[in-house]
Amino acid sequence: MFKKVICIVLSTILLVGCASNSENKNYDSEFLTSLSKGLDRRWKDSDKDPEESAKNYKLWVNDELDEVKDYGDKKFKNDKLKELAIRYINVLKEGKEIASNFGADSFENQWSEHQNERYELLVEINNISEIPVQDKDTLDEILAGGKEVKRDNKVRKDLENIINSAEFKPDDSNSYLAEYSAIVENTTGYDIDALTVEVSLFDENDVLYNTTYINVNNWKKGTKAKLDFIDTDDKEGTYEFSLKYYEIK
């Protein structure tokens, strides 16, 4: 009886010790390994059957999701890596839903946005710790695309800030048309080959009555340009801007 009690006590201590070690474990390295496995499996499956279909899109997403889906609840030493892991898992889940829309008119745009977000997150993850995939050539291509997406998103945000903070005033030099203009500087750090901004015009009752555009070409970084638009109705009211297109040189 005495020996049996000792065994039970020792077993309990060992179990507590195991639980404690498990609770303190960090999964940074395991996540990166699982992420790599999922990516390599995805690329192999897409090479094996590259046909675009809802079935294949779901398969490719699941190749990754099956590997990383449980890391959202795991403990990480690097808080930023955990944040990126959770975001990446959520993006994959969204990708699975988008795959179900294959064939719809909106699918191409949705899938493109999904891939861009994936690539950008992979760049951020790889910046923290190199993703140890087997197919390094494919990863390098994706990272190059992700860096371009990241750059384009920053330029878009900078352009939106420039346009929305510009003070547009009536141009009195034209007595026949209501023209509004602003002189603004290209502070994006890049040459803008082409820029198109949609201008929505609202009357004093906030009713949209016209849409016009601002167009700028060959706008060098660090230089100023005149942005202008014409209100053919010349009503009292407000206007809103929407960046529709831009091209970096």
Foldseek 3Di string as FASTA:
>chain_A
DVVVVVVVVVVVVVVVVVVVVQQPDACLVVLLQLQQQLQQVLVVLCVVPVDQALVNQLVSLCSNLVSLVPLLPGHHPDPVLSVLSVVLNVLSVVSNVLSVVPPDPCSVVVNVVSLLVNLLSLLVNCVVPNRPHPPVVVNVVSVVSNVVSVLVVLLVVVVVVQVVPFDWDFDPVDPQWGKTKGKTAAASQFFWAKWKKKKFWAAQVRHTDDIWIWIDGRRGHGDIDMTMITDRVPHHGDMDIDTDDIDTD
